[in-house]
Amino acid sequence: MDSYCELKALPDPEIIQSAVVSALMQALHKLLPTYEGRIGLAFPAYGQGQQHTLGGIIRILGKKVDIDAFHSVLANHSVIRDYALLTPVSGIPEGISKHSCYSRKQPKGNSRYQRQKKRHLERGTWSETLEQAMHAQISKPLRLPHVGLKSSSNGQSFLLFIERHNKARAVDGQFNSYGLALDHATVPEF
């Protein structure tokens, strides 16, 4: 990674900032697969404030050739033009010592509980204590920054929870169609 640009959510008195960021992430999700995992996202204001949101800035990072091409696509995208300020492409500052891995965190739900219960019943290892522990685990809400998205394949709405892990060094790797890490890939923090 050597270049980046940013999307800064425009203030709108009729729409809360997290809804604007959700709209921007929905647009990015449709565009990112073209770059085959070479572009990652960072959220400089991750977890700040009382609401623990992603904040109003989405940083887009990658190689200069990819960021330049992506910047051109973003500049002509109606959702991006309507909801965000797109900054010019810049070089990543030298001497970065902080790196983060932003990844998707999926809540453990009832279907997982049912699968595990079935396996334990088949093995004869199911117990009241195990059932209580599993119920406690799935009933804990995730308290992570997230965006609300809509699936393009089935039209269902869902929450995309994003977890950040700070890393001591950079880890090369690929990013998914949300710009989030696969295999613990990191992005520089500055």
N, C-alpha and C. Protein backbone atom coordinates (compact mmCIF):
# COMPACT_ATOMS: atom_id res chain seq x y z
N MET A 1 0.85 -1.18 0.00
CA MET A 1 0.00 0.00 0.00
C MET A 1 0.88 1.23 0.00
N ASP A 2 0.52 2.14 -0.89
CA ASP A 2 1.30 3.38 -0.92
C ASP A 2 0.43 4.62 -1.10
N SER A 3 -0.87 4.44 -1.36
CA SER A 3 -1.75 5.59 -1.62
C SER A 3 -3.09 5.42 -0.93
N TYR A 4 -3.79 6.55 -0.80
CA TYR A 4 -5.11 6.51 -0.20
C TYR A 4 -5.92 7.73 -0.63
N CYS A 5 -7.20 7.64 -0.43
CA CYS A 5 -8.11 8.78 -0.52
C CYS A 5 -9.16 8.56 0.57
N GLU A 6 -9.95 9.56 0.83
CA GLU A 6 -10.95 9.43 1.89
C GLU A 6 -12.32 9.88 1.42
N LEU A 7 -13.33 9.26 1.99
CA LEU A 7 -14.71 9.70 1.85
C LEU A 7 -15.10 10.29 3.19
N LYS A 8 -15.49 11.56 3.18
CA LYS A 8 -15.93 12.22 4.41
C LYS A 8 -17.43 12.47 4.29
N ALA A 9 -18.18 11.86 5.19
CA ALA A 9 -19.64 11.98 5.17
C ALA A 9 -20.04 13.44 5.31
N LEU A 10 -20.88 13.89 4.39
CA LEU A 10 -21.37 15.27 4.45
C LEU A 10 -22.46 15.38 5.52
N PRO A 11 -22.42 16.44 6.32
CA PRO A 11 -23.47 16.60 7.33
C PRO A 11 -24.82 16.84 6.65
N ASP A 12 -25.84 16.21 7.18
CA ASP A 12 -27.19 16.36 6.65
C ASP A 12 -28.15 16.41 7.83
N PRO A 13 -28.89 17.50 7.97
CA PRO A 13 -29.78 17.61 9.13
C PRO A 13 -30.91 16.58 9.13
N GLU A 14 -31.19 15.96 7.99
CA GLU A 14 -32.29 15.01 7.91
C GLU A 14 -31.85 13.56 8.06
N ILE A 15 -30.54 13.30 7.98
CA ILE A 15 -30.02 11.93 8.04
C ILE A 15 -28.88 11.87 9.06
N ILE A 16 -28.92 10.89 9.95
CA ILE A 16 -27.83 10.77 10.91
C ILE A 16 -26.58 10.25 10.20
N GLN A 17 -25.43 10.58 10.76
CA GLN A 17 -24.15 10.26 10.13
C GLN A 17 -23.99 8.75 9.88
N SER A 18 -24.44 7.92 10.81
CA SER A 18 -24.27 6.48 10.62
C SER A 18 -25.07 5.98 9.41
N ALA A 19 -26.20 6.60 9.11
CA ALA A 19 -26.98 6.22 7.92
C ALA A 19 -26.25 6.64 6.64
N VAL A 20 -25.59 7.78 6.68
CA VAL A 20 -24.80 8.23 5.53
C VAL A 20 -23.64 7.26 5.30
N VAL A 21 -22.95 6.88 6.37
CA VAL A 21 -21.83 5.94 6.25
C VAL A 21 -22.33 4.60 5.73
N SER A 22 -23.51 4.17 6.16
CA SER A 22 -24.10 2.93 5.65
C SER A 22 -24.33 3.01 4.14
N ALA A 23 -24.86 4.13 3.67
CA ALA A 23 -25.09 4.32 2.23
C ALA A 23 -23.77 4.30 1.46
N LEU A 24 -22.74 4.91 2.02
CA LEU A 24 -21.43 4.91 1.38
C LEU A 24 -20.84 3.50 1.34
N MET A 25 -20.97 2.76 2.44
CA MET A 25 -20.46 1.39 2.47
C MET A 25 -21.21 0.50 1.48
N GLN A 26 -22.51 0.71 1.34
CA GLN A 26 -23.30 -0.06 0.37
C GLN A 26 -22.77 0.19 -1.05
N ALA A 27 -22.49 1.45 -1.35
CA ALA A 27 -21.95 1.79 -2.67
C ALA A 27 -20.56 1.19 -2.88
N LEU A 28 -19.71 1.28 -1.86
CA LEU A 28 -18.36 0.72 -1.96
C LEU A 28 -18.40 -0.80 -2.16
N HIS A 29 -19.32 -1.46 -1.47
CA HIS A 29 -19.45 -2.92 -1.56
C HIS A 29 -19.75 -3.37 -3.00
N LYS A 30 -20.46 -2.56 -3.73
CA LYS A 30 -20.78 -2.91 -5.12
C LYS A 30 -19.59 -2.68 -6.05
N LEU A 31 -18.69 -1.79 -5.66
CA LEU A 31 -17.57 -1.41 -6.52
C LEU A 31 -16.27 -2.17 -6.21
N LEU A 32 -16.05 -2.54 -4.96
CA LEU A 32 -14.78 -3.13 -4.54
C LEU A 32 -14.43 -4.48 -5.18
N PRO A 33 -15.39 -5.36 -5.48
CA PRO A 33 -15.00 -6.66 -6.06
C PRO A 33 -14.17 -6.56 -7.34
N THR A 34 -14.34 -5.49 -8.10
CA THR A 34 -13.56 -5.29 -9.32
C THR A 34 -12.06 -5.28 -9.04
N TYR A 35 -11.67 -4.87 -7.83
CA TYR A 35 -10.25 -4.72 -7.50
C TYR A 35 -9.67 -5.97 -6.84
N GLU A 36 -10.43 -7.03 -6.79
CA GLU A 36 -9.97 -8.37 -6.40
C GLU A 36 -9.17 -8.40 -5.10
N GLY A 37 -9.65 -7.71 -4.08
CA GLY A 37 -9.02 -7.77 -2.76
C GLY A 37 -7.79 -6.91 -2.56
N ARG A 38 -7.51 -6.02 -3.50
CA ARG A 38 -6.31 -5.18 -3.40
C ARG A 38 -6.56 -3.86 -2.68
N ILE A 39 -7.81 -3.53 -2.39
CA ILE A 39 -8.14 -2.27 -1.72
C ILE A 39 -8.75 -2.57 -0.36
N GLY A 40 -8.19 -1.91 0.66
CA GLY A 40 -8.69 -2.07 2.02
C GLY A 40 -9.26 -0.75 2.54
N LEU A 41 -10.09 -0.86 3.56
CA LEU A 41 -10.68 0.32 4.18
C LEU A 41 -10.19 0.47 5.62
N ALA A 42 -10.15 1.71 6.05
CA ALA A 42 -9.85 2.04 7.45
C ALA A 42 -10.85 3.09 7.89
N PHE A 43 -11.04 3.19 9.18
CA PHE A 43 -12.00 4.12 9.76
C PHE A 43 -11.29 4.92 10.84
N PRO A 44 -10.73 6.09 10.49
CA PRO A 44 -9.92 6.87 11.44
C PRO A 44 -10.64 7.26 12.73
N ALA A 45 -11.96 7.36 12.70
CA ALA A 45 -12.71 7.74 13.91
C ALA A 45 -13.43 6.54 14.52
N TYR A 46 -12.92 5.35 14.28
CA TYR A 46 -13.52 4.10 14.76
C TYR A 46 -13.75 4.13 16.27
N GLY A 47 -14.99 3.87 16.67
CA GLY A 47 -15.31 3.71 18.09
C GLY A 47 -15.32 4.96 18.93
N GLN A 48 -15.16 6.11 18.33
CA GLN A 48 -15.13 7.34 19.12
C GLN A 48 -16.53 7.83 19.41
N GLY A 49 -16.65 8.60 20.45
CA GLY A 49 -17.95 9.16 20.82
C GLY A 49 -18.77 8.20 21.65
N GLN A 50 -19.89 8.69 22.10
CA GLN A 50 -20.76 7.89 22.96
C GLN A 50 -21.42 6.73 22.23
N GLN A 51 -21.62 6.86 20.95
CA GLN A 51 -22.33 5.83 20.19
C GLN A 51 -21.41 4.71 19.72
N HIS A 52 -20.11 4.89 19.81
CA HIS A 52 -19.14 3.88 19.35
C HIS A 52 -19.41 3.48 17.90
N THR A 53 -19.43 4.48 17.02
CA THR A 53 -19.70 4.26 15.60
C THR A 53 -18.40 4.13 14.82
N LEU A 54 -18.53 3.96 13.53
CA LEU A 54 -17.35 3.94 12.66
C LEU A 54 -16.81 5.35 12.43
N GLY A 55 -17.61 6.36 12.72
CA GLY A 55 -17.21 7.74 12.46
C GLY A 55 -17.59 8.13 11.04
N GLY A 56 -17.30 9.35 10.69
CA GLY A 56 -17.74 9.88 9.40
C GLY A 56 -16.70 9.85 8.30
N ILE A 57 -15.58 9.16 8.51
CA ILE A 57 -14.52 9.10 7.49
C ILE A 57 -14.23 7.65 7.13
N ILE A 58 -14.24 7.37 5.84
CA ILE A 58 -13.83 6.06 5.33
C ILE A 58 -12.55 6.28 4.53
N ARG A 59 -11.47 5.69 4.98
CA ARG A 59 -10.18 5.81 4.28
C ARG A 59 -10.02 4.60 3.36
N ILE A 60 -9.69 4.85 2.11
CA ILE A 60 -9.56 3.82 1.09
C ILE A 60 -8.08 3.71 0.73
N LEU A 61 -7.49 2.53 0.95
CA LEU A 61 -6.04 2.36 0.80
C LEU A 61 -5.69 1.24 -0.17
N GLY A 62 -4.57 1.44 -0.87
CA GLY A 62 -4.07 0.43 -1.81
C GLY A 62 -2.88 0.95 -2.59
N LYS A 63 -2.57 0.26 -3.66
CA LYS A 63 -1.50 0.70 -4.57
C LYS A 63 -2.01 1.88 -5.39
N LYS A 64 -1.10 2.77 -5.76
CA LYS A 64 -1.47 3.99 -6.46
C LYS A 64 -2.31 3.73 -7.71
N VAL A 65 -1.94 2.76 -8.50
CA VAL A 65 -2.68 2.48 -9.75
C VAL A 65 -4.13 2.11 -9.44
N ASP A 66 -4.35 1.31 -8.40
CA ASP A 66 -5.72 0.92 -8.03
C ASP A 66 -6.49 2.09 -7.43
N ILE A 67 -5.85 2.85 -6.55
CA ILE A 67 -6.53 3.97 -5.90
C ILE A 67 -6.88 5.05 -6.92
N ASP A 68 -5.98 5.31 -7.87
CA ASP A 68 -6.28 6.29 -8.92
C ASP A 68 -7.51 5.86 -9.73
N ALA A 69 -7.54 4.60 -10.12
CA ALA A 69 -8.68 4.08 -10.90
C ALA A 69 -9.96 4.12 -10.07
N PHE A 70 -9.88 3.70 -8.82
CA PHE A 70 -11.05 3.68 -7.95
C PHE A 70 -11.55 5.09 -7.68
N HIS A 71 -10.63 6.02 -7.52
CA HIS A 71 -10.98 7.43 -7.28
C HIS A 71 -11.82 7.96 -8.45
N SER A 72 -11.42 7.63 -9.67
CA SER A 72 -12.18 8.07 -10.86
C SER A 72 -13.59 7.51 -10.85
N VAL A 73 -13.73 6.25 -10.47
CA VAL A 73 -15.05 5.62 -10.40
C VAL A 73 -15.88 6.31 -9.32
N LEU A 74 -15.28 6.55 -8.15
CA LEU A 74 -16.00 7.17 -7.04
C LEU A 74 -16.45 8.59 -7.38
N ALA A 75 -15.61 9.33 -8.08
CA ALA A 75 -15.92 10.72 -8.43
C ALA A 75 -17.16 10.81 -9.32
N ASN A 76 -17.46 9.75 -10.04
CA ASN A 76 -18.62 9.76 -10.94
C ASN A 76 -19.82 8.99 -10.40
N HIS A 77 -19.73 8.52 -9.17
CA HIS A 77 -20.81 7.74 -8.57
C HIS A 77 -21.81 8.66 -7.86
N SER A 78 -23.09 8.52 -8.19
CA SER A 78 -24.10 9.45 -7.66
C SER A 78 -24.22 9.42 -6.14
N VAL A 79 -24.18 8.25 -5.52
CA VAL A 79 -24.29 8.17 -4.06
C VAL A 79 -23.10 8.86 -3.40
N ILE A 80 -21.92 8.64 -3.93
CA ILE A 80 -20.72 9.26 -3.38
C ILE A 80 -20.81 10.78 -3.52
N ARG A 81 -21.20 11.26 -4.69
CA ARG A 81 -21.34 12.71 -4.90
C ARG A 81 -22.38 13.33 -3.98
N ASP A 82 -23.48 12.60 -3.73
CA ASP A 82 -24.57 13.15 -2.91
C ASP A 82 -24.27 13.14 -1.42
N TYR A 83 -23.50 12.16 -0.95
CA TYR A 83 -23.35 11.98 0.49
C TYR A 83 -21.95 12.19 1.05
N ALA A 84 -20.96 12.40 0.20
CA ALA A 84 -19.59 12.47 0.73
C ALA A 84 -18.72 13.46 -0.04
N LEU A 85 -17.71 13.90 0.66
CA LEU A 85 -16.64 14.67 0.06
C LEU A 85 -15.52 13.68 -0.23
N LEU A 86 -15.10 13.59 -1.47
CA LEU A 86 -14.02 12.69 -1.88
C LEU A 86 -12.73 13.48 -1.93
N THR A 87 -11.76 13.09 -1.11
CA THR A 87 -10.49 13.81 -1.09
C THR A 87 -9.60 13.35 -2.25
N PRO A 88 -8.64 14.17 -2.63
CA PRO A 88 -7.70 13.75 -3.69
C PRO A 88 -6.86 12.56 -3.23
N VAL A 89 -6.31 11.84 -4.19
CA VAL A 89 -5.40 10.72 -3.88
C VAL A 89 -4.11 11.29 -3.33
N SER A 90 -3.63 10.70 -2.24
CA SER A 90 -2.38 11.13 -1.60
C SER A 90 -1.53 9.90 -1.29
N GLY A 91 -0.25 10.15 -1.07
CA GLY A 91 0.64 9.08 -0.66
C GLY A 91 0.52 8.84 0.83
N ILE A 92 0.65 7.60 1.23
CA ILE A 92 0.64 7.26 2.66
C ILE A 92 1.92 7.82 3.27
N PRO A 93 1.80 8.51 4.41
CA PRO A 93 2.99 9.09 5.05
C PRO A 93 4.05 8.03 5.37
N GLU A 94 5.29 8.46 5.37
CA GLU A 94 6.41 7.57 5.71
C GLU A 94 6.46 7.34 7.21
N GLY A 95 7.09 6.26 7.62
CA GLY A 95 7.35 5.99 9.03
C GLY A 95 6.13 5.62 9.86
N ILE A 96 5.14 5.01 9.26
CA ILE A 96 3.95 4.59 10.00
C ILE A 96 4.34 3.47 10.96
N SER A 97 3.95 3.62 12.22
CA SER A 97 4.27 2.58 13.20
C SER A 97 3.03 1.85 13.71
N LYS A 98 1.85 2.36 13.37
CA LYS A 98 0.62 1.71 13.81
C LYS A 98 -0.09 1.09 12.62
N HIS A 99 -0.59 -0.11 12.83
CA HIS A 99 -1.34 -0.83 11.80
C HIS A 99 -2.54 -1.47 12.46
N SER A 100 -3.62 -1.57 11.70
CA SER A 100 -4.83 -2.19 12.23
C SER A 100 -5.41 -3.18 11.24
N CYS A 101 -6.06 -4.17 11.79
CA CYS A 101 -6.78 -5.16 11.01
C CYS A 101 -8.26 -4.91 11.28
N TYR A 102 -8.99 -4.47 10.25
CA TYR A 102 -10.44 -4.29 10.34
C TYR A 102 -11.08 -5.52 9.72
N SER A 103 -11.90 -6.22 10.49
CA SER A 103 -12.50 -7.45 9.97
C SER A 103 -13.97 -7.53 10.36
N ARG A 104 -14.68 -8.37 9.62
CA ARG A 104 -16.09 -8.58 9.89
C ARG A 104 -16.24 -9.50 11.10
N LYS A 105 -17.15 -9.16 11.97
CA LYS A 105 -17.45 -9.99 13.14
C LYS A 105 -18.93 -10.34 13.04
N GLN A 106 -19.22 -11.62 12.94
CA GLN A 106 -20.61 -12.05 12.83
C GLN A 106 -21.11 -12.53 14.18
N PRO A 107 -22.29 -12.06 14.58
CA PRO A 107 -22.84 -12.51 15.86
C PRO A 107 -23.18 -13.99 15.80
N LYS A 108 -22.98 -14.65 16.93
CA LYS A 108 -23.33 -16.05 17.01
C LYS A 108 -24.81 -16.15 17.32
N GLY A 109 -25.55 -16.74 16.43
CA GLY A 109 -27.00 -16.75 16.57
C GLY A 109 -27.58 -18.12 16.88
N ASN A 110 -28.87 -18.20 16.78
CA ASN A 110 -29.60 -19.40 17.14
C ASN A 110 -29.27 -20.58 16.23
N SER A 111 -29.00 -20.34 14.95
CA SER A 111 -28.70 -21.46 14.05
C SER A 111 -27.41 -22.17 14.47
N ARG A 112 -26.43 -21.40 14.91
CA ARG A 112 -25.19 -22.00 15.39
C ARG A 112 -25.45 -22.83 16.64
N TYR A 113 -26.27 -22.29 17.52
CA TYR A 113 -26.65 -23.00 18.74
C TYR A 113 -27.31 -24.33 18.40
N GLN A 114 -28.23 -24.32 17.45
CA GLN A 114 -28.95 -25.54 17.07
C GLN A 114 -27.99 -26.59 16.48
N ARG A 115 -27.06 -26.14 15.64
CA ARG A 115 -26.08 -27.08 15.05
C ARG A 115 -25.21 -27.71 16.13
N GLN A 116 -24.73 -26.88 17.07
CA GLN A 116 -23.88 -27.42 18.13
C GLN A 116 -24.66 -28.36 19.04
N LYS A 117 -25.89 -28.02 19.35
CA LYS A 117 -26.72 -28.87 20.20
C LYS A 117 -26.91 -30.24 19.53
N LYS A 118 -27.20 -30.22 18.23
CA LYS A 118 -27.39 -31.47 17.50
C LYS A 118 -26.13 -32.34 17.56
N ARG A 119 -24.96 -31.72 17.34
CA ARG A 119 -23.70 -32.48 17.40
C ARG A 119 -23.47 -33.07 18.77
N HIS A 120 -23.69 -32.26 19.81
CA HIS A 120 -23.47 -32.75 21.18
C HIS A 120 -24.47 -33.85 21.54
N LEU A 121 -25.72 -33.75 21.09
CA LEU A 121 -26.70 -34.81 21.36
C LEU A 121 -26.29 -36.11 20.67
N GLU A 122 -25.78 -36.01 19.43
CA GLU A 122 -25.33 -37.20 18.71
C GLU A 122 -24.16 -37.88 19.42
N ARG A 123 -23.28 -37.09 20.01
CA ARG A 123 -22.11 -37.63 20.73
C ARG A 123 -22.44 -38.04 22.16
N GLY A 124 -23.59 -37.58 22.65
CA GLY A 124 -23.94 -37.88 24.03
C GLY A 124 -23.26 -36.97 25.03
N THR A 125 -22.81 -35.80 24.57
CA THR A 125 -22.10 -34.87 25.46
C THR A 125 -22.94 -33.66 25.86
N TRP A 126 -24.22 -33.68 25.54
CA TRP A 126 -25.09 -32.54 25.85
C TRP A 126 -25.43 -32.55 27.34
N SER A 127 -25.36 -31.36 27.96
CA SER A 127 -25.69 -31.25 29.38
C SER A 127 -26.38 -29.92 29.65
N GLU A 128 -26.99 -29.81 30.80
CA GLU A 128 -27.66 -28.58 31.21
C GLU A 128 -26.64 -27.44 31.33
N THR A 129 -25.47 -27.74 31.87
CA THR A 129 -24.42 -26.73 32.03
C THR A 129 -23.96 -26.20 30.67
N LEU A 130 -23.77 -27.09 29.72
CA LEU A 130 -23.35 -26.69 28.37
C LEU A 130 -24.45 -25.84 27.73
N GLU A 131 -25.71 -26.22 27.91
CA GLU A 131 -26.81 -25.46 27.35
C GLU A 131 -26.85 -24.04 27.92
N GLN A 132 -26.66 -23.90 29.22
CA GLN A 132 -26.65 -22.58 29.85
C GLN A 132 -25.50 -21.73 29.34
N ALA A 133 -24.32 -22.34 29.19
CA ALA A 133 -23.16 -21.61 28.70
C ALA A 133 -23.38 -21.13 27.26
N MET A 134 -23.97 -21.98 26.44
CA MET A 134 -24.22 -21.60 25.05
C MET A 134 -25.28 -20.52 24.96
N HIS A 135 -26.31 -20.60 25.77
CA HIS A 135 -27.34 -19.55 25.78
C HIS A 135 -26.74 -18.22 26.22
N ALA A 136 -25.87 -18.26 27.20
CA ALA A 136 -25.22 -17.03 27.67
C ALA A 136 -24.38 -16.41 26.56
N GLN A 137 -23.72 -17.26 25.79
CA GLN A 137 -22.87 -16.77 24.71
C GLN A 137 -23.68 -16.12 23.59
N ILE A 138 -24.78 -16.73 23.18
CA ILE A 138 -25.54 -16.17 22.06
C ILE A 138 -26.42 -15.01 22.47
N SER A 139 -26.68 -14.86 23.77
CA SER A 139 -27.53 -13.77 24.21
C SER A 139 -26.75 -12.47 24.44
N LYS A 140 -25.42 -12.55 24.42
CA LYS A 140 -24.61 -11.34 24.58
C LYS A 140 -24.65 -10.53 23.29
N PRO A 141 -25.10 -9.28 23.35
CA PRO A 141 -25.11 -8.47 22.13
C PRO A 141 -23.69 -8.02 21.77
N LEU A 142 -23.45 -7.89 20.47
CA LEU A 142 -22.16 -7.36 20.02
C LEU A 142 -22.17 -5.86 20.22
N ARG A 143 -21.16 -5.36 20.85
CA ARG A 143 -21.05 -3.92 21.07
C ARG A 143 -19.88 -3.39 20.23
N LEU A 144 -20.05 -3.51 18.93
CA LEU A 144 -19.03 -3.07 17.98
C LEU A 144 -19.64 -2.06 17.02
N PRO A 145 -18.82 -1.16 16.48
CA PRO A 145 -19.32 -0.28 15.43
C PRO A 145 -19.84 -1.12 14.26
N HIS A 146 -20.89 -0.63 13.62
CA HIS A 146 -21.49 -1.39 12.53
C HIS A 146 -22.20 -0.46 11.55
N VAL A 147 -22.53 -1.02 10.40
CA VAL A 147 -23.32 -0.31 9.40
C VAL A 147 -24.49 -1.21 9.01
N GLY A 148 -25.59 -0.59 8.67
CA GLY A 148 -26.74 -1.34 8.18
C GLY A 148 -26.67 -1.43 6.67
N LEU A 149 -26.74 -2.64 6.14
CA LEU A 149 -26.65 -2.86 4.70
C LEU A 149 -27.83 -3.70 4.23
N LYS A 150 -27.98 -3.75 2.93
CA LYS A 150 -29.04 -4.57 2.32
C LYS A 150 -28.39 -5.51 1.33
N SER A 151 -28.70 -6.79 1.45
CA SER A 151 -28.14 -7.79 0.55
C SER A 151 -28.67 -7.60 -0.86
N SER A 152 -27.78 -7.57 -1.83
CA SER A 152 -28.22 -7.42 -3.22
C SER A 152 -28.75 -8.75 -3.76
N SER A 153 -28.37 -9.87 -3.12
CA SER A 153 -28.83 -11.17 -3.62
C SER A 153 -30.23 -11.53 -3.13
N ASN A 154 -30.55 -11.23 -1.86
CA ASN A 154 -31.87 -11.62 -1.36
C ASN A 154 -32.70 -10.45 -0.82
N GLY A 155 -32.15 -9.25 -0.83
CA GLY A 155 -32.89 -8.06 -0.41
C GLY A 155 -33.05 -7.89 1.09
N GLN A 156 -32.48 -8.78 1.88
CA GLN A 156 -32.62 -8.69 3.33
C GLN A 156 -31.65 -7.67 3.90
N SER A 157 -32.09 -6.96 4.92
CA SER A 157 -31.24 -6.01 5.63
C SER A 157 -30.47 -6.74 6.72
N PHE A 158 -29.25 -6.30 6.97
CA PHE A 158 -28.43 -6.91 8.02
C PHE A 158 -27.45 -5.88 8.55
N LEU A 159 -26.87 -6.19 9.69
CA LEU A 159 -25.85 -5.33 10.29
C LEU A 159 -24.48 -5.94 10.02
N LEU A 160 -23.57 -5.13 9.52
CA LEU A 160 -22.19 -5.55 9.30
C LEU A 160 -21.38 -4.99 10.46
N PHE A 161 -21.02 -5.85 11.41
CA PHE A 161 -20.22 -5.45 12.56
C PHE A 161 -18.75 -5.47 12.15
N ILE A 162 -18.02 -4.43 12.54
CA ILE A 162 -16.62 -4.31 12.16
C ILE A 162 -15.77 -4.23 13.42
N GLU A 163 -14.82 -5.15 13.50
CA GLU A 163 -13.93 -5.24 14.64
C GLU A 163 -12.53 -4.78 14.23
N ARG A 164 -11.89 -4.01 15.11
CA ARG A 164 -10.53 -3.53 14.82
C ARG A 164 -9.56 -4.15 15.83
N HIS A 165 -8.46 -4.66 15.28
CA HIS A 165 -7.37 -5.16 16.10
C HIS A 165 -6.12 -4.37 15.74
N ASN A 166 -5.50 -3.74 16.72
CA ASN A 166 -4.25 -3.02 16.48
C ASN A 166 -3.11 -4.04 16.40
N LYS A 167 -2.22 -3.81 15.46
CA LYS A 167 -1.10 -4.73 15.23
C LYS A 167 0.22 -3.97 15.35
N ALA A 168 1.25 -4.66 15.76
CA ALA A 168 2.57 -4.05 15.93
C ALA A 168 3.28 -3.85 14.59
N ARG A 169 2.91 -4.67 13.60
CA ARG A 169 3.58 -4.56 12.30
C ARG A 169 2.56 -4.78 11.19
N ALA A 170 2.95 -4.39 9.99
CA ALA A 170 2.08 -4.55 8.82
C ALA A 170 2.00 -6.02 8.42
N VAL A 171 0.83 -6.44 7.99
CA VAL A 171 0.62 -7.79 7.47
C VAL A 171 -0.02 -7.66 6.09
N ASP A 172 0.68 -8.15 5.08
CA ASP A 172 0.13 -8.11 3.72
C ASP A 172 -0.98 -9.14 3.59
N GLY A 173 -1.90 -8.85 2.71
CA GLY A 173 -2.98 -9.80 2.50
C GLY A 173 -4.06 -9.22 1.62
N GLN A 174 -5.17 -9.93 1.56
CA GLN A 174 -6.29 -9.56 0.72
C GLN A 174 -7.42 -8.98 1.56
N PHE A 175 -8.34 -8.28 0.88
CA PHE A 175 -9.50 -7.69 1.53
C PHE A 175 -10.75 -8.20 0.84
N ASN A 176 -11.84 -8.28 1.60
CA ASN A 176 -13.09 -8.80 1.03
C ASN A 176 -13.85 -7.70 0.29
N SER A 177 -15.06 -8.01 -0.13
CA SER A 177 -15.83 -7.05 -0.92
C SER A 177 -16.36 -5.88 -0.09
N TYR A 178 -16.12 -5.90 1.20
CA TYR A 178 -16.43 -4.75 2.05
C TYR A 178 -15.17 -3.94 2.36
N GLY A 179 -14.03 -4.36 1.81
CA GLY A 179 -12.76 -3.69 2.09
C GLY A 179 -12.18 -4.08 3.43
N LEU A 180 -12.68 -5.16 4.02
CA LEU A 180 -12.22 -5.63 5.32
C LEU A 180 -11.25 -6.79 5.16
N ALA A 181 -10.42 -6.99 6.15
CA ALA A 181 -9.31 -7.93 6.06
C ALA A 181 -9.75 -9.38 5.91
N LEU A 182 -9.02 -10.05 5.06
CA LEU A 182 -9.03 -11.51 4.99
C LEU A 182 -7.65 -11.93 5.48
N ASP A 183 -7.56 -12.99 6.21
CA ASP A 183 -6.26 -13.50 6.69
C ASP A 183 -5.45 -12.45 7.45
N HIS A 184 -6.11 -11.63 8.25
CA HIS A 184 -5.46 -10.67 9.16
C HIS A 184 -4.66 -9.57 8.44
N ALA A 185 -5.01 -9.25 7.20
CA ALA A 185 -4.33 -8.17 6.48
C ALA A 185 -4.54 -6.85 7.25
N THR A 186 -3.53 -6.01 7.24
CA THR A 186 -3.61 -4.75 7.98
C THR A 186 -3.58 -3.55 7.03
N VAL A 187 -4.00 -2.43 7.58
CA VAL A 187 -3.89 -1.14 6.91
C VAL A 187 -3.15 -0.21 7.87
N PRO A 188 -2.39 0.75 7.33
CA PRO A 188 -1.68 1.68 8.21
C PRO A 188 -2.65 2.66 8.87
N GLU A 189 -2.35 3.04 10.09
CA GLU A 189 -3.14 4.01 10.83
C GLU A 189 -2.33 5.31 10.93
N PHE A 190 -2.95 6.40 10.52
CA PHE A 190 -2.30 7.71 10.61
C PHE A 190 -3.34 8.79 10.73
